Amino acid sequence: MPYTLTFSKQVEIADTDLYINDCCIGGDVVLDRLLPALREKYGNDLRPNQEDWGWFVWFDDGPIKLAVDVSADDDRSKFQMQLTSRRPRFILSDKVEDGAELEALRELIVRRLTDWPVSKLTVEWVNEPR
């Protein structure tokens, strides 16, 4: 199942006009901080992108699809991150599931956020409805 991480960190924002919505502001800075470690583990072709709800980077670990989604709260110093793993299924939609791949991603992200350092870091396992 997915993990939700919340934390606080003041980040430098050069131009807020580059963001689609307020919830996107600073998410790119957070992902930029994580990308070197993610690329080292999952490959150099990882490319973050912005949506109307925040920033994301999606990639594969073998047959498992992993996602790191980041959004900011209104004060732009509090962030929420979703970590999700999905297993593709023939004909059916992907199945969200917990596994070793998600645990490894969670450990890597928590270690990098702790090294940054961020404050008020919480990690919550989320049991999605079926």
N, C-alpha and C. Protein backbone atom coordinates (compact mmCIF):
# COMPACT_ATOMS: atom_id res chain seq x y z
N MET A 1 0.84 -1.18 0.00
CA MET A 1 0.00 0.00 0.00
C MET A 1 0.88 1.25 0.00
N PRO A 2 0.34 2.36 -0.32
CA PRO A 2 1.15 3.59 -0.40
C PRO A 2 1.58 4.10 0.97
N TYR A 3 2.58 4.96 0.92
CA TYR A 3 3.02 5.70 2.10
C TYR A 3 2.77 7.17 1.86
N THR A 4 2.38 7.87 2.92
CA THR A 4 2.30 9.32 2.89
C THR A 4 3.35 9.85 3.85
N LEU A 5 4.21 10.71 3.34
CA LEU A 5 5.23 11.37 4.15
C LEU A 5 4.88 12.84 4.21
N THR A 6 4.99 13.43 5.38
CA THR A 6 4.82 14.87 5.53
C THR A 6 6.07 15.41 6.21
N PHE A 7 6.44 16.63 5.85
CA PHE A 7 7.62 17.25 6.43
C PHE A 7 7.59 18.74 6.16
N SER A 8 8.45 19.45 6.89
CA SER A 8 8.61 20.89 6.70
C SER A 8 10.03 21.18 6.25
N LYS A 9 10.14 22.15 5.35
CA LYS A 9 11.44 22.59 4.87
C LYS A 9 11.26 23.91 4.14
N GLN A 10 12.02 24.91 4.54
CA GLN A 10 12.04 26.18 3.80
C GLN A 10 12.89 25.96 2.55
N VAL A 11 12.33 26.25 1.39
CA VAL A 11 13.07 26.10 0.14
C VAL A 11 13.07 27.43 -0.60
N GLU A 12 14.14 27.66 -1.34
CA GLU A 12 14.27 28.88 -2.13
C GLU A 12 13.49 28.74 -3.44
N ILE A 13 12.62 29.71 -3.70
CA ILE A 13 11.83 29.73 -4.92
C ILE A 13 12.21 30.98 -5.71
N ALA A 14 12.74 30.80 -6.91
CA ALA A 14 13.19 31.93 -7.71
C ALA A 14 12.02 32.65 -8.39
N ASP A 15 11.06 31.89 -8.93
CA ASP A 15 9.98 32.51 -9.70
C ASP A 15 8.70 31.68 -9.54
N THR A 16 7.75 32.17 -8.76
CA THR A 16 6.51 31.43 -8.52
C THR A 16 5.62 31.36 -9.75
N ASP A 17 5.90 32.16 -10.77
CA ASP A 17 5.10 32.12 -12.00
C ASP A 17 5.34 30.85 -12.81
N LEU A 18 6.35 30.09 -12.47
CA LEU A 18 6.66 28.85 -13.19
C LEU A 18 5.76 27.68 -12.77
N TYR A 19 4.93 27.89 -11.76
CA TYR A 19 4.14 26.81 -11.20
C TYR A 19 2.68 26.90 -11.65
N ILE A 20 2.07 25.74 -11.88
CA ILE A 20 0.68 25.68 -12.33
C ILE A 20 -0.25 26.17 -11.22
N ASN A 21 -0.06 25.66 -10.01
CA ASN A 21 -0.89 26.02 -8.84
C ASN A 21 0.00 26.20 -7.63
N ASP A 22 -0.55 26.78 -6.57
CA ASP A 22 0.22 26.98 -5.34
C ASP A 22 0.72 25.67 -4.75
N CYS A 23 -0.03 24.58 -4.91
CA CYS A 23 0.38 23.29 -4.36
C CYS A 23 1.61 22.72 -5.07
N CYS A 24 1.99 23.32 -6.18
CA CYS A 24 3.17 22.87 -6.94
C CYS A 24 4.45 23.58 -6.48
N ILE A 25 4.30 24.71 -5.81
CA ILE A 25 5.45 25.55 -5.48
C ILE A 25 6.41 24.82 -4.54
N GLY A 26 7.61 24.60 -5.01
CA GLY A 26 8.66 23.96 -4.22
C GLY A 26 8.76 22.46 -4.40
N GLY A 27 7.76 21.82 -4.98
CA GLY A 27 7.83 20.38 -5.19
C GLY A 27 8.99 19.99 -6.08
N ASP A 28 9.31 20.84 -7.03
CA ASP A 28 10.46 20.58 -7.90
C ASP A 28 11.77 20.65 -7.13
N VAL A 29 11.85 21.53 -6.15
CA VAL A 29 13.05 21.64 -5.32
C VAL A 29 13.23 20.36 -4.50
N VAL A 30 12.13 19.85 -3.95
CA VAL A 30 12.18 18.61 -3.18
C VAL A 30 12.64 17.46 -4.08
N LEU A 31 12.04 17.32 -5.25
CA LEU A 31 12.44 16.24 -6.15
C LEU A 31 13.87 16.39 -6.63
N ASP A 32 14.30 17.64 -6.89
CA ASP A 32 15.70 17.87 -7.30
C ASP A 32 16.67 17.35 -6.24
N ARG A 33 16.28 17.47 -4.99
CA ARG A 33 17.13 16.99 -3.90
C ARG A 33 17.19 15.46 -3.87
N LEU A 34 16.09 14.81 -4.27
CA LEU A 34 16.01 13.35 -4.23
C LEU A 34 16.53 12.67 -5.50
N LEU A 35 16.51 13.39 -6.62
CA LEU A 35 16.83 12.78 -7.91
C LEU A 35 18.20 12.11 -8.01
N PRO A 36 19.27 12.67 -7.47
CA PRO A 36 20.55 11.96 -7.59
C PRO A 36 20.49 10.54 -7.00
N ALA A 37 19.88 10.39 -5.85
CA ALA A 37 19.78 9.06 -5.24
C ALA A 37 18.82 8.16 -6.03
N LEU A 38 17.71 8.73 -6.50
CA LEU A 38 16.77 7.95 -7.29
C LEU A 38 17.40 7.49 -8.61
N ARG A 39 18.13 8.38 -9.26
CA ARG A 39 18.78 8.02 -10.53
C ARG A 39 19.87 6.98 -10.32
N GLU A 40 20.59 7.08 -9.21
CA GLU A 40 21.62 6.09 -8.92
C GLU A 40 21.02 4.70 -8.78
N LYS A 41 19.87 4.61 -8.16
CA LYS A 41 19.24 3.31 -7.93
C LYS A 41 18.38 2.83 -9.10
N TYR A 42 17.66 3.76 -9.74
CA TYR A 42 16.64 3.37 -10.73
C TYR A 42 16.98 3.76 -12.17
N GLY A 43 18.08 4.46 -12.40
CA GLY A 43 18.47 4.81 -13.75
C GLY A 43 18.43 6.30 -14.02
N ASN A 44 19.24 6.73 -14.97
CA ASN A 44 19.40 8.15 -15.27
C ASN A 44 18.26 8.78 -16.06
N ASP A 45 17.33 7.98 -16.55
CA ASP A 45 16.29 8.54 -17.39
C ASP A 45 15.08 9.06 -16.62
N LEU A 46 15.15 9.16 -15.31
CA LEU A 46 14.05 9.68 -14.51
C LEU A 46 13.88 11.17 -14.78
N ARG A 47 12.67 11.58 -15.10
CA ARG A 47 12.36 12.97 -15.41
C ARG A 47 11.14 13.42 -14.61
N PRO A 48 11.33 14.34 -13.67
CA PRO A 48 10.18 14.86 -12.91
C PRO A 48 9.32 15.74 -13.81
N ASN A 49 8.06 15.85 -13.44
CA ASN A 49 7.14 16.68 -14.19
C ASN A 49 6.12 17.29 -13.24
N GLN A 50 5.45 18.33 -13.70
CA GLN A 50 4.47 19.06 -12.91
C GLN A 50 3.07 18.78 -13.44
N GLU A 51 2.14 18.59 -12.54
CA GLU A 51 0.72 18.49 -12.85
C GLU A 51 0.00 19.56 -12.04
N ASP A 52 -1.30 19.64 -12.16
CA ASP A 52 -2.03 20.68 -11.42
C ASP A 52 -2.10 20.40 -9.92
N TRP A 53 -1.76 19.19 -9.48
CA TRP A 53 -1.79 18.82 -8.06
C TRP A 53 -0.40 18.80 -7.42
N GLY A 54 0.66 18.96 -8.19
CA GLY A 54 2.02 18.93 -7.64
C GLY A 54 3.02 18.40 -8.64
N TRP A 55 4.12 17.87 -8.12
CA TRP A 55 5.22 17.34 -8.94
C TRP A 55 5.30 15.83 -8.76
N PHE A 56 5.84 15.15 -9.77
CA PHE A 56 5.95 13.70 -9.69
C PHE A 56 7.14 13.20 -10.50
N VAL A 57 7.58 12.01 -10.13
CA VAL A 57 8.51 11.23 -10.95
C VAL A 57 8.03 9.78 -10.84
N TRP A 58 7.84 9.15 -11.99
CA TRP A 58 7.37 7.77 -12.07
C TRP A 58 8.41 6.94 -12.79
N PHE A 59 8.62 5.71 -12.33
CA PHE A 59 9.66 4.86 -12.91
C PHE A 59 9.39 3.41 -12.56
N ASP A 60 10.15 2.53 -13.18
CA ASP A 60 9.98 1.09 -12.98
C ASP A 60 11.14 0.53 -12.17
N ASP A 61 10.82 -0.49 -11.37
CA ASP A 61 11.82 -1.31 -10.70
C ASP A 61 11.47 -2.75 -11.07
N GLY A 62 12.07 -3.22 -12.15
CA GLY A 62 11.67 -4.51 -12.70
C GLY A 62 10.24 -4.40 -13.19
N PRO A 63 9.38 -5.34 -12.79
CA PRO A 63 7.99 -5.30 -13.25
C PRO A 63 7.11 -4.33 -12.45
N ILE A 64 7.64 -3.74 -11.39
CA ILE A 64 6.85 -2.87 -10.51
C ILE A 64 6.98 -1.42 -10.95
N LYS A 65 5.86 -0.72 -10.99
CA LYS A 65 5.84 0.71 -11.30
C LYS A 65 5.82 1.48 -9.98
N LEU A 66 6.77 2.40 -9.81
CA LEU A 66 6.88 3.20 -8.59
C LEU A 66 6.57 4.65 -8.90
N ALA A 67 6.01 5.34 -7.89
CA ALA A 67 5.67 6.76 -8.05
C ALA A 67 6.08 7.52 -6.80
N VAL A 68 6.64 8.71 -7.02
CA VAL A 68 6.93 9.67 -5.96
C VAL A 68 6.19 10.95 -6.36
N ASP A 69 5.15 11.29 -5.59
CA ASP A 69 4.31 12.46 -5.87
C ASP A 69 4.48 13.46 -4.73
N VAL A 70 4.72 14.74 -5.07
CA VAL A 70 5.00 15.77 -4.06
C VAL A 70 4.06 16.96 -4.27
N SER A 71 3.45 17.42 -3.18
CA SER A 71 2.66 18.64 -3.23
C SER A 71 2.98 19.47 -1.99
N ALA A 72 2.72 20.79 -2.11
CA ALA A 72 3.02 21.73 -1.03
C ALA A 72 1.73 22.23 -0.39
N ASP A 73 1.80 22.54 0.90
CA ASP A 73 0.69 23.21 1.57
C ASP A 73 0.72 24.69 1.25
N ASP A 74 -0.28 25.39 1.73
CA ASP A 74 -0.43 26.82 1.41
C ASP A 74 0.75 27.68 1.83
N ASP A 75 1.43 27.33 2.92
CA ASP A 75 2.52 28.20 3.38
C ASP A 75 3.85 27.93 2.67
N ARG A 76 3.85 26.95 1.76
CA ARG A 76 4.99 26.64 0.90
C ARG A 76 6.22 26.11 1.63
N SER A 77 6.08 25.77 2.89
CA SER A 77 7.20 25.16 3.60
C SER A 77 6.82 23.79 4.16
N LYS A 78 5.60 23.37 3.94
CA LYS A 78 5.14 22.06 4.37
C LYS A 78 4.79 21.26 3.12
N PHE A 79 5.30 20.03 3.09
CA PHE A 79 5.13 19.19 1.91
C PHE A 79 4.50 17.86 2.28
N GLN A 80 3.80 17.30 1.32
CA GLN A 80 3.25 15.96 1.44
C GLN A 80 3.74 15.16 0.25
N MET A 81 4.15 13.93 0.52
CA MET A 81 4.69 13.06 -0.51
C MET A 81 3.97 11.72 -0.44
N GLN A 82 3.57 11.21 -1.59
CA GLN A 82 2.98 9.88 -1.70
C GLN A 82 3.98 8.97 -2.40
N LEU A 83 4.20 7.82 -1.82
CA LEU A 83 5.03 6.77 -2.45
C LEU A 83 4.11 5.60 -2.75
N THR A 84 4.08 5.18 -4.00
CA THR A 84 3.15 4.14 -4.42
C THR A 84 3.85 3.12 -5.31
N SER A 85 3.45 1.87 -5.17
CA SER A 85 3.92 0.83 -6.09
C SER A 85 2.70 0.13 -6.70
N ARG A 86 2.84 -0.18 -7.97
CA ARG A 86 1.76 -0.84 -8.70
C ARG A 86 2.34 -2.00 -9.51
N ARG A 87 1.55 -3.07 -9.56
CA ARG A 87 1.92 -4.22 -10.39
C ARG A 87 0.96 -4.26 -11.59
N PRO A 88 1.52 -4.19 -12.80
CA PRO A 88 0.66 -4.28 -13.99
C PRO A 88 -0.02 -5.65 -14.06
N ARG A 89 -1.27 -5.63 -14.54
CA ARG A 89 -2.01 -6.87 -14.73
C ARG A 89 -2.52 -6.93 -16.17
N PHE A 90 -2.51 -8.09 -16.73
CA PHE A 90 -2.97 -8.27 -18.09
C PHE A 90 -4.45 -7.88 -18.19
N ILE A 91 -4.78 -7.02 -19.08
CA ILE A 91 -6.12 -6.50 -19.37
C ILE A 91 -6.65 -5.59 -18.26
N LEU A 92 -6.52 -5.97 -17.01
CA LEU A 92 -7.03 -5.19 -15.88
C LEU A 92 -6.11 -4.01 -15.59
N SER A 93 -6.61 -3.05 -14.82
CA SER A 93 -5.77 -1.92 -14.42
C SER A 93 -4.71 -2.39 -13.42
N ASP A 94 -3.66 -1.60 -13.28
CA ASP A 94 -2.58 -1.93 -12.35
C ASP A 94 -3.13 -2.11 -10.94
N LYS A 95 -2.50 -2.99 -10.18
CA LYS A 95 -2.91 -3.25 -8.80
C LYS A 95 -1.93 -2.56 -7.85
N VAL A 96 -2.45 -1.68 -6.99
CA VAL A 96 -1.62 -1.06 -5.96
C VAL A 96 -1.29 -2.13 -4.93
N GLU A 97 0.00 -2.26 -4.62
CA GLU A 97 0.40 -3.28 -3.66
C GLU A 97 1.68 -2.88 -2.93
N ASP A 98 1.85 -3.46 -1.77
CA ASP A 98 3.05 -3.26 -0.99
C ASP A 98 4.03 -4.37 -1.38
N GLY A 99 5.30 -4.08 -1.27
CA GLY A 99 6.29 -5.09 -1.59
C GLY A 99 7.68 -4.58 -1.27
N ALA A 100 8.65 -5.40 -1.55
CA ALA A 100 10.04 -5.04 -1.26
C ALA A 100 10.47 -3.79 -2.02
N GLU A 101 9.95 -3.60 -3.23
CA GLU A 101 10.32 -2.44 -4.03
C GLU A 101 9.86 -1.14 -3.36
N LEU A 102 8.63 -1.15 -2.84
CA LEU A 102 8.11 0.05 -2.16
C LEU A 102 8.87 0.31 -0.86
N GLU A 103 9.19 -0.74 -0.14
CA GLU A 103 9.94 -0.58 1.11
C GLU A 103 11.33 0.00 0.85
N ALA A 104 11.98 -0.47 -0.21
CA ALA A 104 13.30 0.06 -0.56
C ALA A 104 13.20 1.53 -0.95
N LEU A 105 12.16 1.90 -1.69
CA LEU A 105 11.95 3.30 -2.07
C LEU A 105 11.71 4.16 -0.83
N ARG A 106 10.87 3.68 0.08
CA ARG A 106 10.59 4.43 1.31
C ARG A 106 11.87 4.66 2.11
N GLU A 107 12.67 3.62 2.26
CA GLU A 107 13.93 3.74 3.01
C GLU A 107 14.86 4.76 2.37
N LEU A 108 14.98 4.73 1.05
CA LEU A 108 15.85 5.66 0.34
C LEU A 108 15.36 7.10 0.52
N ILE A 109 14.06 7.33 0.36
CA ILE A 109 13.48 8.67 0.49
C ILE A 109 13.65 9.20 1.91
N VAL A 110 13.33 8.39 2.90
CA VAL A 110 13.46 8.83 4.30
C VAL A 110 14.91 9.16 4.62
N ARG A 111 15.83 8.34 4.17
CA ARG A 111 17.26 8.60 4.42
C ARG A 111 17.69 9.93 3.79
N ARG A 112 17.28 10.19 2.55
CA ARG A 112 17.66 11.44 1.88
C ARG A 112 17.00 12.65 2.52
N LEU A 113 15.75 12.53 2.93
CA LEU A 113 15.09 13.66 3.60
C LEU A 113 15.72 13.94 4.96
N THR A 114 16.10 12.89 5.67
CA THR A 114 16.76 13.05 6.97
C THR A 114 18.12 13.70 6.80
N ASP A 115 18.84 13.34 5.75
CA ASP A 115 20.16 13.92 5.48
C ASP A 115 20.08 15.38 5.03
N TRP A 116 18.93 15.82 4.54
CA TRP A 116 18.82 17.17 3.94
C TRP A 116 19.12 18.25 4.93
N PRO A 117 18.62 18.45 6.09
CA PRO A 117 17.57 17.75 6.81
C PRO A 117 16.24 18.51 6.75
N VAL A 118 15.16 17.75 6.83
CA VAL A 118 13.83 18.34 6.94
C VAL A 118 13.40 18.24 8.40
N SER A 119 12.33 18.94 8.76
CA SER A 119 11.82 18.83 10.13
C SER A 119 10.40 18.27 10.10
N LYS A 120 9.99 17.75 11.24
CA LYS A 120 8.64 17.21 11.44
C LYS A 120 8.28 16.13 10.42
N LEU A 121 9.25 15.26 10.12
CA LEU A 121 9.02 14.19 9.16
C LEU A 121 8.15 13.10 9.78
N THR A 122 7.04 12.79 9.12
CA THR A 122 6.19 11.67 9.52
C THR A 122 6.03 10.75 8.31
N VAL A 123 5.94 9.46 8.60
CA VAL A 123 5.74 8.45 7.56
C VAL A 123 4.54 7.62 7.99
N GLU A 124 3.54 7.59 7.12
CA GLU A 124 2.30 6.86 7.45
C GLU A 124 1.97 5.89 6.33
N TRP A 125 1.74 4.64 6.70
CA TRP A 125 1.30 3.64 5.74
C TRP A 125 -0.19 3.85 5.52
N VAL A 126 -0.61 3.91 4.27
CA VAL A 126 -2.01 4.19 3.94
C VAL A 126 -2.63 2.93 3.34
N ASN A 127 -3.69 2.48 3.94
CA ASN A 127 -4.41 1.32 3.43
C ASN A 127 -5.50 1.82 2.50
N GLU A 128 -5.24 1.75 1.19
CA GLU A 128 -6.22 2.25 0.21
C GLU A 128 -7.44 1.34 0.16
N PRO A 129 -8.62 1.95 -0.01
CA PRO A 129 -9.82 1.10 -0.17
C PRO A 129 -9.73 0.31 -1.47
N ARG A 130 -10.28 -0.85 -1.45
CA ARG A 130 -10.26 -1.73 -2.64
C ARG A 130 -11.48 -1.54 -3.48
